[in-house]
């Protein structure tokens, strides 16, 4: 197939830019997770098969091909991070409550910006705006719990009944109001992340095979000046499945995906042949 005016579709996987010749691009879409069928005993980089426009299309994962963590693993890692933050918070709260019950001074930070949970909260910024919006809901309850910790520390050790009553009220507020709010916010954040994490795919236009490959994000189309392997300096190294490199209009490095190699791999694993 000939090149189409040297127009390239540029996309992103993790922090790297890639491109394919627009002449090979049939369709761009979001992977229909509910209609994705896994192939038993297939290669690690085979996501499965999907039905698209009446065809059975083999879906390959460029993340796996390039040795990166899978798209599903990204979600798992994020959820693991949130679980760790929940544990940080609960460890801090349980230590506070134990100190109140035992009459010992609370030694962990009462500054909301210095506890493990607060340090993460202050520094974490997601690319996904929905996640950042969701996490902003932590600000007020987190600060309120730390304010109660300061108040509790000033009362711990007092033997008068009023102080004991106030400490009991602090524990009750933390357990029934702020902790459930914080935990719910973190669990909602996990849910929002799963709901907004949309894996995209590029379907390839080629007569012998129906194949698509997954990507993270489409950037756009533009003309690129390509340096192919055959024209490159001998010192240049090209990763597997990459046939050349280029610089885009922002002077960023763009790696050119070897479409024929992708098609070859799809045929090699026994993908379903259909007429395009």
Protein backbone atom coordinates (compact mmCIF):
# COMPACT_ATOMS: atom_id res chain seq x y z
CA UNK A 1 0.00 0.00 0.00
CA UNK A 2 1.37 3.43 -0.91
CA UNK A 3 1.87 6.32 1.44
CA UNK A 4 -0.97 8.86 1.67
CA UNK A 5 0.53 12.33 1.30
CA UNK A 6 2.98 11.53 4.12
CA UNK A 7 0.26 12.28 6.66
CA UNK A 8 0.79 10.51 9.96
CA UNK A 9 -1.50 9.70 12.88
CA UNK A 10 0.35 10.55 16.06
CA UNK A 11 -0.54 8.93 19.38
CA UNK A 12 0.86 8.41 22.85
CA UNK A 13 1.71 5.33 24.88
CA UNK A 14 2.86 6.13 28.40
CA UNK A 15 5.28 9.06 27.96
CA UNK A 16 6.35 8.31 24.38
CA UNK A 17 5.03 9.49 21.02
CA UNK A 18 4.39 7.12 18.13
CA UNK A 19 2.90 7.43 14.66
CA UNK A 20 1.46 5.33 11.85
CA UNK A 21 0.89 6.24 8.25
CA UNK A 22 -2.72 7.40 7.83
CA UNK A 23 -2.93 5.23 4.71
CA UNK A 24 -3.15 2.19 6.99
CA UNK A 25 -5.68 3.61 9.45
CA UNK A 26 -9.22 2.32 9.07
CA UNK A 27 -10.85 3.43 12.30
CA UNK A 28 -10.08 4.87 15.75
CA UNK A 29 -12.25 3.88 18.68
CA UNK A 30 -12.54 2.98 22.35
CA UNK A 31 -11.98 -0.67 23.25
CA UNK A 32 -15.42 -2.15 24.08
CA UNK A 33 -14.42 -3.96 27.27
CA UNK A 34 -17.77 -5.71 27.50
CA UNK A 35 -17.33 -7.13 23.98
CA UNK A 36 -13.66 -8.08 24.31
CA UNK A 37 -13.06 -11.84 24.17
CA UNK A 38 -9.75 -13.21 25.40
CA UNK A 39 -7.90 -15.85 23.37
CA UNK A 40 -6.79 -18.83 25.46
CA UNK A 41 -3.05 -19.57 25.41
CA UNK A 42 -2.34 -16.54 23.24
CA UNK A 43 0.76 -14.36 23.36
CA UNK A 44 1.10 -11.77 26.12
CA UNK A 45 0.57 -8.96 23.65
CA UNK A 46 -2.76 -10.28 22.36
CA UNK A 47 -5.57 -8.46 24.17
CA UNK A 48 -8.20 -10.65 22.52
CA UNK A 49 -10.74 -10.28 19.73
CA UNK A 50 -13.53 -7.78 19.21
CA UNK A 51 -16.35 -7.63 16.71
CA UNK A 52 -16.19 -4.43 14.74
CA UNK A 53 -18.24 -3.43 11.65
CA UNK A 54 -19.30 -7.02 11.15
CA UNK A 55 -15.73 -8.36 11.34
CA UNK A 56 -13.80 -10.28 13.95
CA UNK A 57 -10.74 -8.17 14.71
CA UNK A 58 -7.62 -9.32 16.54
CA UNK A 59 -6.64 -6.74 19.14
CA UNK A 60 -2.95 -6.40 20.00
CA UNK A 61 -1.51 -4.43 22.91
CA UNK A 62 1.30 -2.08 21.90
CA UNK A 63 2.06 -1.60 25.59
CA UNK A 64 2.90 -5.28 25.89
CA UNK A 65 4.77 -5.31 22.59
CA UNK A 66 6.95 -2.44 23.80
CA UNK A 67 7.53 -4.07 27.19
CA UNK A 68 5.37 -1.64 29.19
CA UNK A 69 2.86 -2.45 31.91
CA UNK A 70 -0.53 -3.40 30.51
CA UNK A 71 -3.46 -1.03 30.45
CA UNK A 72 -5.33 -3.13 33.00
CA UNK A 73 -2.23 -3.13 35.19
CA UNK A 74 -2.33 0.66 35.22
CA UNK A 75 -5.75 0.50 36.85
CA UNK A 76 -4.55 -2.11 39.32
CA UNK A 77 -1.54 0.01 40.27
CA UNK A 78 -3.73 3.05 40.87
CA UNK A 79 -6.13 1.05 43.02
CA UNK A 80 -3.18 -0.36 44.97
CA UNK A 81 -1.94 3.18 45.60
CA UNK A 82 -5.36 4.20 46.92
CA UNK A 83 -5.46 1.12 49.16
CA UNK A 84 -2.04 2.05 50.56
CA UNK A 85 -3.29 5.58 51.29
CA UNK A 86 -6.34 4.16 53.04
CA UNK A 87 -3.99 2.08 55.17
CA UNK A 88 -1.86 5.18 55.92
CA UNK A 89 -4.91 7.06 57.09
CA UNK A 90 -6.33 4.20 59.16
CA UNK A 91 -2.94 3.58 60.80
CA UNK A 92 -2.81 7.25 61.83
CA UNK A 93 -6.41 7.26 63.09
CA UNK A 94 -6.08 3.98 65.00
CA UNK A 95 -2.90 5.22 66.66
CA UNK A 96 -4.71 8.40 67.72
CA UNK A 97 -7.65 6.47 69.15
CA UNK A 98 -5.35 4.04 70.97
CA UNK A 99 -3.51 6.98 72.53
CA UNK A 100 -6.79 8.54 73.64
CA UNK A 101 -7.95 5.26 75.20
CA UNK A 102 -4.61 4.58 76.92
CA UNK A 103 -3.95 8.16 78.01
CA UNK A 104 -0.64 8.30 76.12
CA UNK A 105 0.51 11.35 74.18
CA UNK A 106 -0.08 11.14 70.41
CA UNK A 107 3.32 11.33 68.68
CA UNK A 108 2.32 11.21 65.00
CA UNK A 109 2.02 14.49 63.04
CA UNK A 110 -1.05 16.60 63.79
CA UNK A 111 -0.22 18.90 60.88
CA UNK A 112 -2.38 17.67 57.94
CA UNK A 113 0.47 18.37 55.52
CA UNK A 114 3.06 16.26 57.35
CA UNK A 115 1.39 12.89 57.93
CA UNK A 116 2.03 10.18 55.30
CA UNK A 117 -1.48 10.57 53.93
CA UNK A 118 -1.22 14.37 53.77
CA UNK A 119 2.18 14.33 52.04
CA UNK A 120 0.74 12.10 49.31
CA UNK A 121 -2.42 14.19 49.02
CA UNK A 122 -0.48 17.45 48.67
CA UNK A 123 1.85 16.10 45.98
CA UNK A 124 -0.35 13.81 43.92
CA UNK A 125 -1.68 15.35 40.72
CA UNK A 126 -3.43 13.13 38.21
CA UNK A 127 -3.62 13.76 34.47
CA UNK A 128 -7.30 12.89 34.74
CA UNK A 129 -9.17 16.02 35.90
CA UNK A 130 -12.02 13.90 37.28
CA UNK A 131 -9.59 12.23 39.68
CA UNK A 132 -8.21 15.57 40.89
CA UNK A 133 -11.74 16.88 41.41
CA UNK A 134 -12.67 13.77 43.36
CA UNK A 135 -9.59 13.98 45.58
CA UNK A 136 -10.32 17.61 46.45
CA UNK A 137 -13.19 16.29 48.54
CA UNK A 138 -10.59 14.93 50.98
CA UNK A 139 -9.33 18.36 51.95
CA UNK A 140 -11.95 19.41 54.53
CA UNK A 141 -12.44 16.10 56.42
CA UNK A 142 -8.69 15.47 56.48
CA UNK A 143 -7.98 18.88 58.02
CA UNK A 144 -10.84 18.47 60.49
CA UNK A 145 -9.49 15.13 61.73
CA UNK A 146 -6.06 16.68 62.32
CA UNK A 147 -7.66 19.58 64.14
CA UNK A 148 -9.41 17.07 66.42
CA UNK A 149 -6.08 15.31 66.97
CA UNK A 150 -4.53 18.55 68.23
CA UNK A 151 -7.48 19.08 70.53
CA UNK A 152 -7.26 15.50 71.79
CA UNK A 153 -3.54 15.86 72.51
CA UNK A 154 -4.27 18.84 74.75
CA UNK A 155 -6.79 16.74 76.72
CA UNK A 156 -5.00 13.40 76.92
CA UNK A 157 -3.83 12.73 80.46
CA UNK A 158 -6.50 14.87 82.08
CA UNK A 159 -8.46 13.02 84.73
CA UNK A 160 -11.47 15.31 85.01
CA UNK A 161 -14.77 14.03 83.68
CA UNK A 162 -15.27 16.92 81.24
CA UNK A 163 -11.98 16.15 79.45
CA UNK A 164 -12.85 12.48 79.25
CA UNK A 165 -16.23 13.38 77.82
CA UNK A 166 -14.63 15.61 75.18
CA UNK A 167 -12.15 12.87 74.23
CA UNK A 168 -15.02 10.40 73.87
CA UNK A 169 -16.85 12.86 71.62
CA UNK A 170 -13.73 13.32 69.49
CA UNK A 171 -13.42 9.57 68.97
CA UNK A 172 -17.11 9.36 68.09
CA UNK A 173 -16.89 12.19 65.53
CA UNK A 174 -13.82 10.66 63.90
CA UNK A 175 -15.35 7.17 63.74
CA UNK A 176 -18.85 8.10 62.63
CA UNK A 177 -18.31 11.22 60.52
CA UNK A 178 -14.86 11.96 59.11
CA UNK A 179 -13.37 8.49 58.66
CA UNK A 180 -16.37 7.14 56.69
CA UNK A 181 -16.29 10.30 54.56
CA UNK A 182 -12.59 9.95 53.78
CA UNK A 183 -12.78 6.22 53.05
CA UNK A 184 -15.82 6.71 50.82
CA UNK A 185 -14.04 9.47 48.91
CA UNK A 186 -11.04 7.21 48.29
CA UNK A 187 -13.25 4.32 47.17
CA UNK A 188 -15.21 6.67 44.90
CA UNK A 189 -11.89 7.79 43.43
CA UNK A 190 -11.08 4.19 42.55
CA UNK A 191 -14.46 3.84 40.88
CA UNK A 192 -14.11 7.11 38.94
CA UNK A 193 -10.67 6.02 37.73
CA UNK A 194 -12.04 2.71 36.45
CA UNK A 195 -15.00 4.43 34.77
CA UNK A 196 -12.89 7.09 33.03
CA UNK A 197 -9.99 4.86 32.02
CA UNK A 198 -10.75 4.32 28.35
CA UNK A 199 -8.34 2.28 26.27
CA UNK A 200 -8.32 3.30 22.62
CA UNK A 201 -7.52 1.28 19.52
CA UNK A 202 -6.47 1.90 15.95
CA UNK A 203 -7.93 -0.47 13.35
CA UNK A 204 -5.66 -1.22 10.40
CA UNK A 205 -6.74 -1.16 6.75
CA UNK A 206 -5.08 -4.14 5.07
CA UNK A 207 -6.49 -6.76 2.73
CA UNK A 208 -5.14 -9.91 4.31
CA UNK A 209 -5.98 -9.50 7.98
CA UNK A 210 -8.31 -7.70 10.35
CA UNK A 211 -6.18 -6.33 13.15
CA UNK A 212 -6.15 -3.42 15.56
CA UNK A 213 -3.76 -2.30 18.27
CA UNK A 214 -4.35 -0.49 21.52
CA UNK A 215 -2.97 2.94 22.41
CA UNK A 216 -3.33 5.36 25.31
CA UNK A 217 -4.28 8.59 23.58
CA UNK A 218 -4.65 10.02 20.06
CA UNK A 219 -2.71 13.26 19.59
CA UNK A 220 -3.60 14.20 16.01
CA UNK A 221 -2.36 14.08 12.42
CA UNK A 222 0.53 15.93 10.83
CA UNK A 223 3.27 15.58 8.27
CA UNK A 224 6.56 14.15 9.54
CA UNK A 225 10.03 13.83 8.08
CA UNK A 226 10.90 10.19 8.65
CA UNK A 227 14.33 8.67 9.07
CA UNK A 228 13.89 4.99 8.21
CA UNK A 229 16.22 2.25 9.40
CA UNK A 230 17.66 1.89 5.93
CA UNK A 231 18.57 5.60 5.85
CA UNK A 232 19.71 5.91 9.45
CA UNK A 233 23.18 6.21 10.84
CA UNK A 234 24.58 2.84 11.89
CA UNK A 235 24.88 4.07 15.47
CA UNK A 236 21.11 4.59 15.76
CA UNK A 237 19.20 1.87 17.60
CA UNK A 238 15.61 1.04 16.71
CA UNK A 239 13.42 -0.91 19.13
CA UNK A 240 11.54 -3.94 17.85
CA UNK A 241 8.38 -3.05 15.91
CA UNK A 242 9.78 0.44 15.14
CA UNK A 243 10.78 1.17 11.54
CA UNK A 244 11.98 4.74 11.89
CA UNK A 245 11.99 7.96 13.86
CA UNK A 246 10.92 11.54 13.22
CA UNK A 247 10.61 14.96 14.82
CA UNK A 248 7.20 16.58 14.98
CA UNK A 249 6.36 20.30 14.74
CA UNK A 250 7.23 20.66 18.45
CA UNK A 251 10.61 18.99 17.84
CA UNK A 252 9.52 16.00 19.95
CA UNK A 253 10.83 12.57 19.08
CA UNK A 254 8.24 10.37 17.37
CA UNK A 255 8.74 6.64 16.78
CA UNK A 256 7.21 5.17 13.63
CA UNK A 257 5.40 1.89 14.16
CA UNK A 258 6.18 -0.87 11.66
CA UNK A 259 2.64 -1.66 10.53
CA UNK A 260 3.67 -4.60 8.34
CA UNK A 261 5.37 -6.17 11.35
CA UNK A 262 2.16 -5.72 13.36
CA UNK A 263 0.18 -7.37 10.58
CA UNK A 264 2.70 -10.21 10.39
CA UNK A 265 2.37 -10.87 14.10
CA UNK A 266 -1.44 -10.89 13.82
CA UNK A 267 -1.24 -13.44 11.02
CA UNK A 268 1.30 -15.51 12.94
CA UNK A 269 -1.04 -15.97 15.90
CA UNK A 270 -3.78 -17.21 13.63
CA UNK A 271 -6.02 -14.17 13.52
CA UNK A 272 -9.33 -14.41 11.74
CA UNK A 273 -9.11 -13.44 8.07
CA UNK A 274 -12.02 -11.38 6.76
CA UNK A 275 -12.58 -9.27 3.71
CA UNK A 276 -12.13 -5.54 4.38
